[in-house]
Amino acid sequence: MAEEVVKFKVTIDGIPVEVDPGTTILNAARQIGGDIVPPAMCYYSKLEGTGGKCRTCLVKVSKGSEKDPRPMPKLVASCRTTVMDGMEVQNITSPDVVEARKGVVEMLLINHPLDCPVCDQAGECKLQDLGYEHGNEGTRYEFERRTFERIDIGDKIQLHMNRCILCYRCVYVANQLTEEREHGVLNRGDHSEISTFIEKALDHDFVGNVIDVCPVGALTDKTFRFKNRVWFTKPVDAHRNCPTCAGKVTLWYKGDEVLRVTGRKDEYGEVEDFICNTCRFETKHTSDWTLEEPTPVDHESVIGANHYLAFNPPSVIHENKKLQLANEEQLARTERLK
């Protein structure tokens, strides 16, 4: 007789869900979905050991469990805290969580430069989203920010340490996907930085995935730098028979040109299958790939502004006689006022 599967009932912002024992609060919230899912900058479900570093996913446990209903005395990191049966959690419904998240965002932005207008990550940056949703309008920091020189850690990857928030994702990628980890976190405290051993290049065939997992613009693709804004490109899912990786990617088009190739990401910005450097950097022609369909894009994303749902989109500009007449009348009134 098969053993009965035990499930834990958890309530997050008043919404109940049943999950397996050992599930974290963050993953329980992801099973519900929507706005109650806490933000996560360092946690990455595809990589072991991630989480617990950025503190953006803090939540309030108002009831520990059915056996011990006492609330937890402090806010906890939802990516590192496992659920208990009968647990009740507050995320966006807790003023304490909202206020704490503002403080975390302010801390992350202390040394982060305001270079969104020139950063290649703009438009798909998790720190931008976090700052807009949970940040303060101004900063109280009056001291000089730490600065680093930009370095090339490979012929295709550039490191902007000024933008780094020390989420450690790239370190875990190099540690778990490559044979030799040649970069990591050096120094301690506010002197900590991501770097290689005496600026040694990262040349493993899977190390390009550090670009995909970086939530900010600290690690950028040198073959795509300053070529275009992401919201002017059109992402399309494609695949090829690759002997090294799964060969399932997203091609980013501008017209007929493939500007960059990335791994396919889920709704939480996590890569579904890590891809090799050959797929990422060396195959940037449509003839190299079998096209599938336009990549699904969140309607709230700026990428959706120039996106379409079919390979043959309708004309962008439609003839509108009423609008044209109104524009002519407005132009005539403006001319008289000059």
C-alpha atoms as a PDB file:
ATOM      1  CA  MET A   1       0.000   0.000   0.000  1.00  0.00           C
ATOM      2  CA  ALA A   2       1.404   3.350  -1.020  1.00  0.00           C
ATOM      3  CA  GLU A   3       2.289   5.705   1.782  1.00  0.00           C
ATOM      4  CA  GLU A   4       0.114   8.776   2.142  1.00  0.00           C
ATOM      5  CA  VAL A   5       1.902  11.910   1.010  1.00  0.00           C
ATOM      6  CA  VAL A   6       2.110  14.403   3.855  1.00  0.00           C
ATOM      7  CA  LYS A   7       1.428  18.018   2.936  1.00  0.00           C
ATOM      8  CA  PHE A   8       1.892  21.152   5.010  1.00  0.00           C
ATOM      9  CA  LYS A   9      -0.801  23.829   4.867  1.00  0.00           C
ATOM     10  CA  VAL A  10       0.627  27.348   4.803  1.00  0.00           C
ATOM     11  CA  THR A  11      -1.196  30.660   4.585  1.00  0.00           C
ATOM     12  CA  ILE A  12       0.567  33.582   2.885  1.00  0.00           C
ATOM     13  CA  ASP A  13      -1.188  36.957   2.927  1.00  0.00           C
ATOM     14  CA  GLY A  14      -4.441  35.153   3.667  1.00  0.00           C
ATOM     15  CA  ILE A  15      -4.127  32.715   0.757  1.00  0.00           C
ATOM     16  CA  PRO A  16      -3.758  29.034   1.764  1.00  0.00           C
ATOM     17  CA  VAL A  17      -1.552  26.580  -0.122  1.00  0.00           C
ATOM     18  CA  GLU A  18      -0.457  22.989   0.491  1.00  0.00           C
ATOM     19  CA  VAL A  19       3.213  22.218  -0.091  1.00  0.00           C
ATOM     20  CA  ASP A  20       5.680  19.417   0.529  1.00  0.00           C
ATOM     21  CA  PRO A  21       7.678  19.396   3.778  1.00  0.00           C
ATOM     22  CA  GLY A  22      11.023  21.144   3.327  1.00  0.00           C
ATOM     23  CA  THR A  23       9.597  23.740   0.929  1.00  0.00           C
ATOM     24  CA  THR A  24      10.779  27.276   1.616  1.00  0.00           C
ATOM     25  CA  ILE A  25       8.345  30.129   2.153  1.00  0.00           C
ATOM     26  CA  LEU A  26       9.530  31.722  -1.093  1.00  0.00           C
ATOM     27  CA  ASN A  27       8.795  28.625  -3.175  1.00  0.00           C
ATOM     28  CA  ALA A  28       5.448  28.196  -1.411  1.00  0.00           C
ATOM     29  CA  ALA A  29       4.570  31.759  -2.427  1.00  0.00           C
ATOM     30  CA  ARG A  30       5.677  31.000  -5.997  1.00  0.00           C
ATOM     31  CA  GLN A  31       3.160  28.169  -6.112  1.00  0.00           C
ATOM     32  CA  ILE A  32       0.465  30.757  -5.423  1.00  0.00           C
ATOM     33  CA  GLY A  33       2.002  33.352  -7.747  1.00  0.00           C
ATOM     34  CA  GLY A  34       1.063  36.967  -8.277  1.00  0.00           C
ATOM     35  CA  ASP A  35       2.042  39.955  -6.163  1.00  0.00           C
ATOM     36  CA  ILE A  36       2.501  38.000  -2.945  1.00  0.00           C
ATOM     37  CA  VAL A  37       5.724  36.392  -4.229  1.00  0.00           C
ATOM     38  CA  PRO A  38       8.613  38.084  -2.387  1.00  0.00           C
ATOM     39  CA  PRO A  39      11.365  39.564  -4.581  1.00  0.00           C
ATOM     40  CA  ALA A  40      14.644  37.651  -4.695  1.00  0.00           C
ATOM     41  CA  MET A  41      17.968  39.015  -5.920  1.00  0.00           C
ATOM     42  CA  CYS A  42      20.364  36.293  -4.775  1.00  0.00           C
ATOM     43  CA  TYR A  43      18.226  33.125  -4.685  1.00  0.00           C
ATOM     44  CA  TYR A  44      18.382  30.972  -7.815  1.00  0.00           C
ATOM     45  CA  SER A  45      16.483  27.693  -7.790  1.00  0.00           C
ATOM     46  CA  LYS A  46      18.761  26.106 -10.428  1.00  0.00           C
ATOM     47  CA  LEU A  47      21.897  26.614  -8.294  1.00  0.00           C
ATOM     48  CA  GLU A  48      22.639  24.893  -4.992  1.00  0.00           C
ATOM     49  CA  GLY A  49      23.486  27.006  -1.958  1.00  0.00           C
ATOM     50  CA  THR A  50      22.030  30.289  -3.182  1.00  0.00           C
ATOM     51  CA  GLY A  51      19.901  32.582  -1.060  1.00  0.00           C
ATOM     52  CA  GLY A  52      20.153  34.398   2.251  1.00  0.00           C
ATOM     53  CA  LYS A  53      22.483  37.167   1.106  1.00  0.00           C
ATOM     54  CA  CYS A  54      20.488  40.081  -0.324  1.00  0.00           C
ATOM     55  CA  ARG A  55      17.661  40.082   2.303  1.00  0.00           C
ATOM     56  CA  THR A  56      15.101  41.410  -0.180  1.00  0.00           C
ATOM     57  CA  CYS A  57      12.784  38.460   0.407  1.00  0.00           C
ATOM     58  CA  LEU A  58      12.153  39.214   4.097  1.00  0.00           C
ATOM     59  CA  VAL A  59       8.707  38.217   5.374  1.00  0.00           C
ATOM     60  CA  LYS A  60       6.904  38.186   8.705  1.00  0.00           C
ATOM     61  CA  VAL A  61       5.853  34.863  10.252  1.00  0.00           C
ATOM     62  CA  SER A  62       2.830  35.767  12.375  1.00  0.00           C
ATOM     63  CA  LYS A  63       2.167  32.127  13.343  1.00  0.00           C
ATOM     64  CA  GLY A  64       4.892  29.529  13.566  1.00  0.00           C
ATOM     65  CA  SER A  65       2.783  26.370  13.230  1.00  0.00           C
ATOM     66  CA  GLU A  66      -0.248  24.587  14.616  1.00  0.00           C
ATOM     67  CA  LYS A  67       1.862  22.982  17.353  1.00  0.00           C
ATOM     68  CA  ASP A  68       3.646  26.212  18.248  1.00  0.00           C
ATOM     69  CA  PRO A  69       1.541  29.210  17.194  1.00  0.00           C
ATOM     70  CA  ARG A  70       3.971  31.781  18.561  1.00  0.00           C
ATOM     71  CA  PRO A  71       5.144  34.296  15.921  1.00  0.00           C
ATOM     72  CA  MET A  72       8.799  34.482  15.000  1.00  0.00           C
ATOM     73  CA  PRO A  73      10.362  37.462  16.806  1.00  0.00           C
ATOM     74  CA  LYS A  74      12.091  38.901  13.732  1.00  0.00           C
ATOM     75  CA  LEU A  75      11.561  39.072  10.008  1.00  0.00           C
ATOM     76  CA  VAL A  76      13.007  36.032   8.217  1.00  0.00           C
ATOM     77  CA  ALA A  77      14.487  35.422   4.770  1.00  0.00           C
ATOM     78  CA  SER A  78      11.785  33.516   2.906  1.00  0.00           C
ATOM     79  CA  CYS A  79      14.312  31.843   0.577  1.00  0.00           C
ATOM     80  CA  ARG A  80      16.032  30.174   3.552  1.00  0.00           C
ATOM     81  CA  THR A  81      13.118  29.486   5.908  1.00  0.00           C
ATOM     82  CA  THR A  82      11.211  26.244   5.473  1.00  0.00           C
ATOM     83  CA  VAL A  83       7.485  26.049   6.126  1.00  0.00           C
ATOM     84  CA  MET A  84       5.733  24.335   9.030  1.00  0.00           C
ATOM     85  CA  ASP A  85       2.227  22.927   9.065  1.00  0.00           C
ATOM     86  CA  GLY A  86      -0.224  25.693   9.929  1.00  0.00           C
ATOM     87  CA  MET A  87       2.286  28.503   9.428  1.00  0.00           C
ATOM     88  CA  GLU A  88       0.907  31.952   8.635  1.00  0.00           C
ATOM     89  CA  VAL A  89       3.083  34.427   6.735  1.00  0.00           C
ATOM     90  CA  GLN A  90       2.665  38.106   5.914  1.00  0.00           C
ATOM     91  CA  ASN A  91       4.406  39.618   2.914  1.00  0.00           C
ATOM     92  CA  ILE A  92       2.876  42.688   1.266  1.00  0.00           C
ATOM     93  CA  THR A  93       0.176  42.845   3.968  1.00  0.00           C
ATOM     94  CA  SER A  94       2.730  43.612   6.683  1.00  0.00           C
ATOM     95  CA  PRO A  95       3.845  47.260   7.163  1.00  0.00           C
ATOM     96  CA  ASP A  96       6.996  45.966   8.876  1.00  0.00           C
ATOM     97  CA  VAL A  97       7.975  43.989   5.777  1.00  0.00           C
ATOM     98  CA  VAL A  98       7.330  46.923   3.443  1.00  0.00           C
ATOM     99  CA  GLU A  99       9.421  49.252   5.628  1.00  0.00           C
ATOM    100  CA  ALA A 100      12.247  46.714   5.988  1.00  0.00           C
ATOM    101  CA  ARG A 101      12.328  46.175   2.248  1.00  0.00           C
ATOM    102  CA  LYS A 102      12.758  49.912   1.727  1.00  0.00           C
ATOM    103  CA  GLY A 103      15.783  49.787   4.004  1.00  0.00           C
ATOM    104  CA  VAL A 104      17.253  46.834   2.114  1.00  0.00           C
ATOM    105  CA  VAL A 105      16.829  48.619  -1.225  1.00  0.00           C
ATOM    106  CA  GLU A 106      18.420  51.753   0.207  1.00  0.00           C
ATOM    107  CA  MET A 107      21.366  49.650   1.380  1.00  0.00           C
ATOM    108  CA  LEU A 108      21.780  48.006  -2.035  1.00  0.00           C
ATOM    109  CA  LEU A 109      21.725  51.395  -3.749  1.00  0.00           C
ATOM    110  CA  ILE A 110      24.318  53.011  -1.467  1.00  0.00           C
ATOM    111  CA  ASN A 111      27.193  52.110  -3.782  1.00  0.00           C
ATOM    112  CA  HIS A 112      25.242  51.316  -6.931  1.00  0.00           C
ATOM    113  CA  PRO A 113      25.816  54.057  -9.539  1.00  0.00           C
ATOM    114  CA  LEU A 114      22.921  55.768 -11.273  1.00  0.00           C
ATOM    115  CA  ASP A 115      24.042  54.764 -14.764  1.00  0.00           C
ATOM    116  CA  CYS A 116      20.802  53.178 -15.972  1.00  0.00           C
ATOM    117  CA  PRO A 117      20.848  55.452 -19.073  1.00  0.00           C
ATOM    118  CA  VAL A 118      24.046  53.753 -20.289  1.00  0.00           C
ATOM    119  CA  CYS A 119      23.749  50.330 -18.639  1.00  0.00           C
ATOM    120  CA  ASP A 120      22.993  47.383 -20.938  1.00  0.00           C
ATOM    121  CA  GLN A 121      20.915  45.760 -18.194  1.00  0.00           C
ATOM    122  CA  ALA A 122      18.358  48.594 -18.211  1.00  0.00           C
ATOM    123  CA  GLY A 123      14.898  47.301 -18.987  1.00  0.00           C
ATOM    124  CA  GLU A 124      15.531  43.827 -17.562  1.00  0.00           C
ATOM    125  CA  CYS A 125      17.281  44.778 -14.313  1.00  0.00           C
ATOM    126  CA  LYS A 126      15.846  43.317 -11.121  1.00  0.00           C
ATOM    127  CA  LEU A 127      17.341  46.142  -9.065  1.00  0.00           C
ATOM    128  CA  GLN A 128      15.468  48.679 -11.202  1.00  0.00           C
ATOM    129  CA  ASP A 129      12.207  46.844 -10.524  1.00  0.00           C
ATOM    130  CA  LEU A 130      13.004  46.543  -6.823  1.00  0.00           C
ATOM    131  CA  GLY A 131      13.908  50.225  -6.537  1.00  0.00           C
ATOM    132  CA  TYR A 132      10.705  51.276  -8.283  1.00  0.00           C
ATOM    133  CA  GLU A 133       8.450  49.008  -6.226  1.00  0.00           C
ATOM    134  CA  HIS A 134      10.064  49.217  -2.783  1.00  0.00           C
ATOM    135  CA  GLY A 135      12.648  52.004  -2.819  1.00  0.00           C
ATOM    136  CA  ASN A 136      12.655  55.491  -1.319  1.00  0.00           C
ATOM    137  CA  GLU A 137      12.625  58.643  -3.402  1.00  0.00           C
ATOM    138  CA  GLY A 138      15.977  59.858  -2.060  1.00  0.00           C
ATOM    139  CA  THR A 139      19.072  58.641  -0.259  1.00  0.00           C
ATOM    140  CA  ARG A 140      20.494  59.607   3.129  1.00  0.00           C
ATOM    141  CA  TYR A 141      24.004  58.501   2.221  1.00  0.00           C
ATOM    142  CA  GLU A 142      26.453  61.405   2.152  1.00  0.00           C
ATOM    143  CA  PHE A 143      29.785  59.624   1.830  1.00  0.00           C
ATOM    144  CA  GLU A 144      31.806  58.888  -1.271  1.00  0.00           C
ATOM    145  CA  ARG A 145      30.804  55.698  -3.033  1.00  0.00           C
ATOM    146  CA  ARG A 146      33.259  52.911  -3.566  1.00  0.00           C
ATOM    147  CA  THR A 147      34.518  52.654  -7.129  1.00  0.00           C
ATOM    148  CA  PHE A 148      36.372  50.014  -9.127  1.00  0.00           C
ATOM    149  CA  GLU A 149      37.996  49.942 -12.528  1.00  0.00           C
ATOM    150  CA  ARG A 150      36.184  47.950 -15.202  1.00  0.00           C
ATOM    151  CA  ILE A 151      38.039  44.772 -16.087  1.00  0.00           C
ATOM    152  CA  ASP A 152      37.706  42.126 -18.798  1.00  0.00           C
ATOM    153  CA  ILE A 153      37.458  38.667 -17.266  1.00  0.00           C
ATOM    154  CA  GLY A 154      37.394  37.030 -20.663  1.00  0.00           C
ATOM    155  CA  ASP A 155      37.305  38.032 -24.308  1.00  0.00           C
ATOM    156  CA  LYS A 156      33.484  38.161 -24.182  1.00  0.00           C
ATOM    157  CA  ILE A 157      32.698  39.250 -20.586  1.00  0.00           C
ATOM    158  CA  GLN A 158      33.269  42.577 -18.869  1.00  0.00           C
ATOM    159  CA  LEU A 159      32.959  43.124 -15.113  1.00  0.00           C
ATOM    160  CA  HIS A 160      31.526  46.404 -13.729  1.00  0.00           C
ATOM    161  CA  MET A 161      32.165  45.912 -10.028  1.00  0.00           C
ATOM    162  CA  ASN A 162      30.624  49.315  -9.261  1.00  0.00           C
ATOM    163  CA  ARG A 163      27.201  47.840 -10.049  1.00  0.00           C
ATOM    164  CA  CYS A 164      27.660  44.542  -8.217  1.00  0.00           C
ATOM    165  CA  ILE A 165      25.415  43.823  -5.210  1.00  0.00           C
ATOM    166  CA  LEU A 166      27.375  40.696  -4.153  1.00  0.00           C
ATOM    167  CA  CYS A 167      24.550  38.231  -4.743  1.00  0.00           C
ATOM    168  CA  TYR A 168      27.143  35.446  -5.386  1.00  0.00           C
ATOM    169  CA  ARG A 169      25.131  33.958  -8.258  1.00  0.00           C
ATOM    170  CA  CYS A 170      28.015  34.139 -10.720  1.00  0.00           C
ATOM    171  CA  VAL A 171      30.306  32.430  -8.211  1.00  0.00           C
ATOM    172  CA  TYR A 172      27.878  29.528  -7.851  1.00  0.00           C
ATOM    173  CA  VAL A 173      27.591  29.244 -11.640  1.00  0.00           C
ATOM    174  CA  ALA A 174      31.357  29.004 -12.038  1.00  0.00           C
ATOM    175  CA  ASN A 175      31.595  26.593  -9.121  1.00  0.00           C
ATOM    176  CA  GLN A 176      28.834  24.218 -10.253  1.00  0.00           C
ATOM    177  CA  LEU A 177      28.957  24.412 -14.057  1.00  0.00           C
ATOM    178  CA  THR A 178      32.678  24.625 -14.712  1.00  0.00           C
ATOM    179  CA  GLU A 179      35.567  22.343 -13.850  1.00  0.00           C
ATOM    180  CA  GLU A 180      37.707  25.060 -12.275  1.00  0.00           C
ATOM    181  CA  ARG A 181      36.329  28.064 -10.415  1.00  0.00           C
ATOM    182  CA  GLU A 182      38.665  30.894 -11.302  1.00  0.00           C
ATOM    183  CA  HIS A 183      36.784  33.776  -9.709  1.00  0.00           C
ATOM    184  CA  GLY A 184      35.089  34.514  -6.423  1.00  0.00           C
ATOM    185  CA  VAL A 185      34.663  37.079  -3.641  1.00  0.00           C
ATOM    186  CA  LEU A 186      37.838  38.754  -2.454  1.00  0.00           C
ATOM    187  CA  ASN A 187      38.327  40.750   0.788  1.00  0.00           C
ATOM    188  CA  ARG A 188      35.660  41.342   3.437  1.00  0.00           C
ATOM    189  CA  GLY A 189      33.046  43.871   4.496  1.00  0.00           C
ATOM    190  CA  ASP A 190      32.662  46.946   2.317  1.00  0.00           C
ATOM    191  CA  HIS A 191      35.917  46.013   0.550  1.00  0.00           C
ATOM    192  CA  SER A 192      34.420  42.800  -0.830  1.00  0.00           C
ATOM    193  CA  GLU A 193      34.491  42.418  -4.590  1.00  0.00           C
ATOM    194  CA  ILE A 194      33.998  39.812  -7.292  1.00  0.00           C
ATOM    195  CA  SER A 195      37.273  39.203  -9.100  1.00  0.00           C
ATOM    196  CA  THR A 196      39.510  36.585 -10.655  1.00  0.00           C
ATOM    197  CA  PHE A 197      42.873  35.397  -9.392  1.00  0.00           C
ATOM    198  CA  ILE A 198      45.270  38.123 -10.628  1.00  0.00           C
ATOM    199  CA  GLU A 199      42.733  39.045 -13.339  1.00  0.00           C
ATOM    200  CA  LYS A 200      42.852  35.591 -14.913  1.00  0.00           C
ATOM    201  CA  ALA A 201      40.426  35.147 -17.806  1.00  0.00           C
ATOM    202  CA  LEU A 202      37.324  32.985 -17.546  1.00  0.00           C
ATOM    203  CA  ASP A 203      37.425  30.726 -20.581  1.00  0.00           C
ATOM    204  CA  HIS A 204      35.295  27.677 -19.738  1.00  0.00           C
ATOM    205  CA  ASP A 205      32.617  26.797 -22.294  1.00  0.00           C
ATOM    206  CA  PHE A 206      29.759  27.383 -19.802  1.00  0.00           C
ATOM    207  CA  VAL A 207      31.081  30.427 -17.970  1.00  0.00           C
ATOM    208  CA  GLY A 208      29.061  32.795 -20.179  1.00  0.00           C
ATOM    209  CA  ASN A 209      26.079  31.904 -18.002  1.00  0.00           C
ATOM    210  CA  VAL A 210      27.369  34.332 -15.373  1.00  0.00           C
ATOM    211  CA  ILE A 211      25.896  37.038 -17.641  1.00  0.00           C
ATOM    212  CA  ASP A 212      22.417  35.500 -17.539  1.00  0.00           C
ATOM    213  CA  VAL A 213      22.296  34.976 -13.770  1.00  0.00           C
ATOM    214  CA  CYS A 214      23.556  38.459 -12.841  1.00  0.00           C
ATOM    215  CA  PRO A 215      20.487  40.442 -11.650  1.00  0.00           C
ATOM    216  CA  VAL A 216      22.169  43.806 -12.340  1.00  0.00           C
ATOM    217  CA  GLY A 217      24.568  45.085 -14.994  1.00  0.00           C
ATOM    218  CA  ALA A 218      27.776  43.993 -13.278  1.00  0.00           C
ATOM    219  CA  LEU A 219      28.585  41.246 -15.794  1.00  0.00           C
ATOM    220  CA  THR A 220      27.847  42.221 -19.386  1.00  0.00           C
ATOM    221  CA  ASP A 221      28.135  40.632 -22.809  1.00  0.00           C
ATOM    222  CA  LYS A 222      30.884  42.489 -24.692  1.00  0.00           C
ATOM    223  CA  THR A 223      29.415  41.401 -28.037  1.00  0.00           C
ATOM    224  CA  PHE A 224      26.145  43.211 -27.181  1.00  0.00           C
ATOM    225  CA  ARG A 225      27.452  46.236 -25.263  1.00  0.00           C
ATOM    226  CA  PHE A 226      25.926  49.544 -26.402  1.00  0.00           C
ATOM    227  CA  LYS A 227      24.426  47.974 -29.543  1.00  0.00           C
ATOM    228  CA  ASN A 228      20.796  48.562 -28.630  1.00  0.00           C
ATOM    229  CA  ARG A 229      18.251  48.964 -25.883  1.00  0.00           C
ATOM    230  CA  VAL A 230      16.506  45.763 -24.909  1.00  0.00           C
ATOM    231  CA  TRP A 231      13.026  47.257 -25.468  1.00  0.00           C
ATOM    232  CA  PHE A 232      13.877  47.918 -29.122  1.00  0.00           C
ATOM    233  CA  THR A 233      14.647  44.237 -29.687  1.00  0.00           C
ATOM    234  CA  LYS A 234      12.280  41.326 -30.271  1.00  0.00           C
ATOM    235  CA  PRO A 235      12.962  38.057 -28.385  1.00  0.00           C
ATOM    236  CA  VAL A 236      12.246  34.791 -30.200  1.00  0.00           C
ATOM    237  CA  ASP A 237      12.613  31.243 -28.850  1.00  0.00           C
ATOM    238  CA  ALA A 238      14.835  29.016 -30.980  1.00  0.00           C
ATOM    239  CA  HIS A 239      16.850  25.797 -30.788  1.00  0.00           C
ATOM    240  CA  ARG A 240      19.662  23.963 -32.533  1.00  0.00           C
ATOM    241  CA  ASN A 241      21.337  20.567 -32.278  1.00  0.00           C
ATOM    242  CA  CYS A 242      24.209  21.435 -29.985  1.00  0.00           C
ATOM    243  CA  PRO A 243      26.580  18.666 -28.832  1.00  0.00           C
ATOM    244  CA  THR A 244      27.522  20.605 -25.685  1.00  0.00           C
ATOM    245  CA  CYS A 245      24.252  21.940 -24.236  1.00  0.00           C
ATOM    246  CA  ALA A 246      20.487  21.679 -24.698  1.00  0.00           C
ATOM    247  CA  GLY A 247      20.648  24.302 -27.463  1.00  0.00           C
ATOM    248  CA  LYS A 248      17.416  26.006 -26.337  1.00  0.00           C
ATOM    249  CA  VAL A 249      17.857  29.777 -26.380  1.00  0.00           C
ATOM    250  CA  THR A 250      16.235  33.159 -26.865  1.00  0.00           C
ATOM    251  CA  LEU A 251      17.371  35.166 -29.890  1.00  0.00           C
ATOM    252  CA  TRP A 252      17.124  38.951 -29.564  1.00  0.00           C
ATOM    253  CA  TYR A 253      16.392  40.505 -32.961  1.00  0.00           C
ATOM    254  CA  LYS A 254      16.651  44.055 -34.256  1.00  0.00           C
ATOM    255  CA  GLY A 255      15.208  43.814 -37.737  1.00  0.00           C
ATOM    256  CA  ASP A 256      16.798  40.747 -39.350  1.00  0.00           C
ATOM    257  CA  GLU A 257      19.949  40.899 -37.192  1.00  0.00           C
ATOM    258  CA  VAL A 258      20.483  38.758 -34.090  1.00  0.00           C
ATOM    259  CA  LEU A 259      22.068  41.123 -31.574  1.00  0.00           C
ATOM    260  CA  ARG A 260      22.514  38.615 -28.756  1.00  0.00           C
ATOM    261  CA  VAL A 261      21.687  35.108 -27.606  1.00  0.00           C
ATOM    262  CA  THR A 262      20.633  34.248 -24.046  1.00  0.00           C
ATOM    263  CA  GLY A 263      19.310  31.253 -22.179  1.00  0.00           C
ATOM    264  CA  ARG A 264      15.546  30.916 -21.895  1.00  0.00           C
ATOM    265  CA  LYS A 265      14.244  32.320 -18.628  1.00  0.00           C
ATOM    266  CA  ASP A 266      11.119  31.581 -16.615  1.00  0.00           C
ATOM    267  CA  GLU A 267       8.733  34.099 -15.054  1.00  0.00           C
ATOM    268  CA  TYR A 268      11.179  34.712 -12.194  1.00  0.00           C
ATOM    269  CA  GLY A 269      14.100  35.496 -14.491  1.00  0.00           C
ATOM    270  CA  GLU A 270      15.863  32.172 -13.908  1.00  0.00           C
ATOM    271  CA  VAL A 271      17.470  30.303 -16.808  1.00  0.00           C
ATOM    272  CA  GLU A 272      15.688  27.046 -17.614  1.00  0.00           C
ATOM    273  CA  ASP A 273      18.683  25.373 -19.337  1.00  0.00           C
ATOM    274  CA  PHE A 274      22.214  26.751 -19.154  1.00  0.00           C
ATOM    275  CA  ILE A 275      23.783  27.179 -22.595  1.00  0.00           C
ATOM    276  CA  CYS A 276      27.354  26.932 -23.848  1.00  0.00           C
ATOM    277  CA  ASN A 277      29.518  29.782 -25.115  1.00  0.00           C
ATOM    278  CA  THR A 278      29.273  28.514 -28.694  1.00  0.00           C
ATOM    279  CA  CYS A 279      25.497  28.996 -28.701  1.00  0.00           C
ATOM    280  CA  ARG A 280      25.792  32.320 -26.898  1.00  0.00           C
ATOM    281  CA  PHE A 281      28.587  34.039 -28.810  1.00  0.00           C
ATOM    282  CA  GLU A 282      29.340  32.183 -32.055  1.00  0.00           C
ATOM    283  CA  THR A 283      25.936  31.452 -33.637  1.00  0.00           C
ATOM    284  CA  LYS A 284      24.289  34.798 -34.310  1.00  0.00           C
ATOM    285  CA  HIS A 285      22.645  34.094 -37.639  1.00  0.00           C
ATOM    286  CA  THR A 286      19.069  32.983 -38.198  1.00  0.00           C
ATOM    287  CA  SER A 287      20.338  30.181 -40.430  1.00  0.00           C
ATOM    288  CA  ASP A 288      22.052  28.640 -37.367  1.00  0.00           C
ATOM    289  CA  TRP A 289      18.744  28.148 -35.582  1.00  0.00           C
ATOM    290  CA  THR A 290      15.291  26.644 -35.870  1.00  0.00           C
ATOM    291  CA  LEU A 291      12.830  29.358 -34.853  1.00  0.00           C
ATOM    292  CA  GLU A 292       9.901  28.345 -32.632  1.00  0.00           C
ATOM    293  CA  GLU A 293       7.775  31.298 -31.523  1.00  0.00           C
ATOM    294  CA  PRO A 294       8.062  34.820 -30.076  1.00  0.00           C
ATOM    295  CA  THR A 295       9.171  34.644 -26.458  1.00  0.00           C
ATOM    296  CA  PRO A 296       6.324  35.225 -23.988  1.00  0.00           C
ATOM    297  CA  VAL A 297       6.866  38.617 -22.330  1.00  0.00           C
ATOM    298  CA  ASP A 298       5.212  39.995 -19.200  1.00  0.00           C
ATOM    299  CA  HIS A 299       2.807  42.738 -20.244  1.00  0.00           C
ATOM    300  CA  GLU A 300       4.235  44.967 -17.490  1.00  0.00           C
ATOM    301  CA  SER A 301       7.764  44.701 -18.886  1.00  0.00           C
ATOM    302  CA  VAL A 302       9.180  47.461 -21.075  1.00  0.00           C
ATOM    303  CA  ILE A 303      10.193  44.727 -23.524  1.00  0.00           C
ATOM    304  CA  GLY A 304       6.494  44.218 -24.252  1.00  0.00           C
ATOM    305  CA  ALA A 305       6.249  47.736 -25.723  1.00  0.00           C
ATOM    306  CA  ASN A 306       7.865  46.590 -28.974  1.00  0.00           C
ATOM    307  CA  HIS A 307       6.833  42.953 -28.809  1.00  0.00           C
ATOM    308  CA  TYR A 308       4.461  40.925 -30.932  1.00  0.00           C
ATOM    309  CA  LEU A 309       2.751  37.573 -30.582  1.00  0.00           C
ATOM    310  CA  ALA A 310       3.174  36.306 -34.155  1.00  0.00           C
ATOM    311  CA  PHE A 311       6.015  36.201 -36.658  1.00  0.00           C
ATOM    312  CA  ASN A 312       4.024  38.371 -39.093  1.00  0.00           C
ATOM    313  CA  PRO A 313       2.917  41.295 -36.959  1.00  0.00           C
ATOM    314  CA  PRO A 314       0.352  43.796 -38.306  1.00  0.00           C
ATOM    315  CA  SER A 315       1.410  47.233 -39.424  1.00  0.00           C
ATOM    316  CA  VAL A 316       2.450  49.444 -36.529  1.00  0.00           C
ATOM    317  CA  ILE A 317       0.868  52.600 -38.036  1.00  0.00           C
ATOM    318  CA  HIS A 318      -2.781  52.550 -39.073  1.00  0.00           C
ATOM    319  CA  GLU A 319      -4.367  55.315 -41.115  1.00  0.00           C
ATOM    320  CA  ASN A 320      -6.711  57.322 -38.902  1.00  0.00           C
ATOM    321  CA  LYS A 321      -8.486  60.172 -40.708  1.00  0.00           C
ATOM    322  CA  LYS A 322     -10.044  61.561 -37.533  1.00  0.00           C
ATOM    323  CA  LEU A 323      -6.705  61.701 -35.754  1.00  0.00           C
ATOM    324  CA  GLN A 324      -4.997  63.258 -38.759  1.00  0.00           C
ATOM    325  CA  LEU A 325      -7.655  66.011 -38.937  1.00  0.00           C
ATOM    326  CA  ALA A 326      -7.280  66.708 -35.216  1.00  0.00           C
ATOM    327  CA  ASN A 327      -3.491  66.982 -35.623  1.00  0.00           C
ATOM    328  CA  GLU A 328      -3.913  69.436 -38.502  1.00  0.00           C
ATOM    329  CA  GLU A 329      -6.282  71.609 -36.437  1.00  0.00           C
ATOM    330  CA  GLN A 330      -3.891  71.578 -33.481  1.00  0.00           C
ATOM    331  CA  LEU A 331      -0.991  72.541 -35.766  1.00  0.00           C
ATOM    332  CA  ALA A 332      -2.991  75.454 -37.200  1.00  0.00           C
ATOM    333  CA  ARG A 333      -3.800  76.772 -33.697  1.00  0.00           C
ATOM    334  CA  THR A 334      -0.157  76.477 -32.696  1.00  0.00           C
ATOM    335  CA  GLU A 335       0.998  78.391 -35.763  1.00  0.00           C
ATOM    336  CA  ARG A 336      -1.354  81.289 -34.938  1.00  0.00           C
ATOM    337  CA  LEU A 337       0.106  81.594 -31.438  1.00  0.00           C
ATOM    338  CA  LYS A 338       3.677  82.000 -32.677  1.00  0.00           C
END
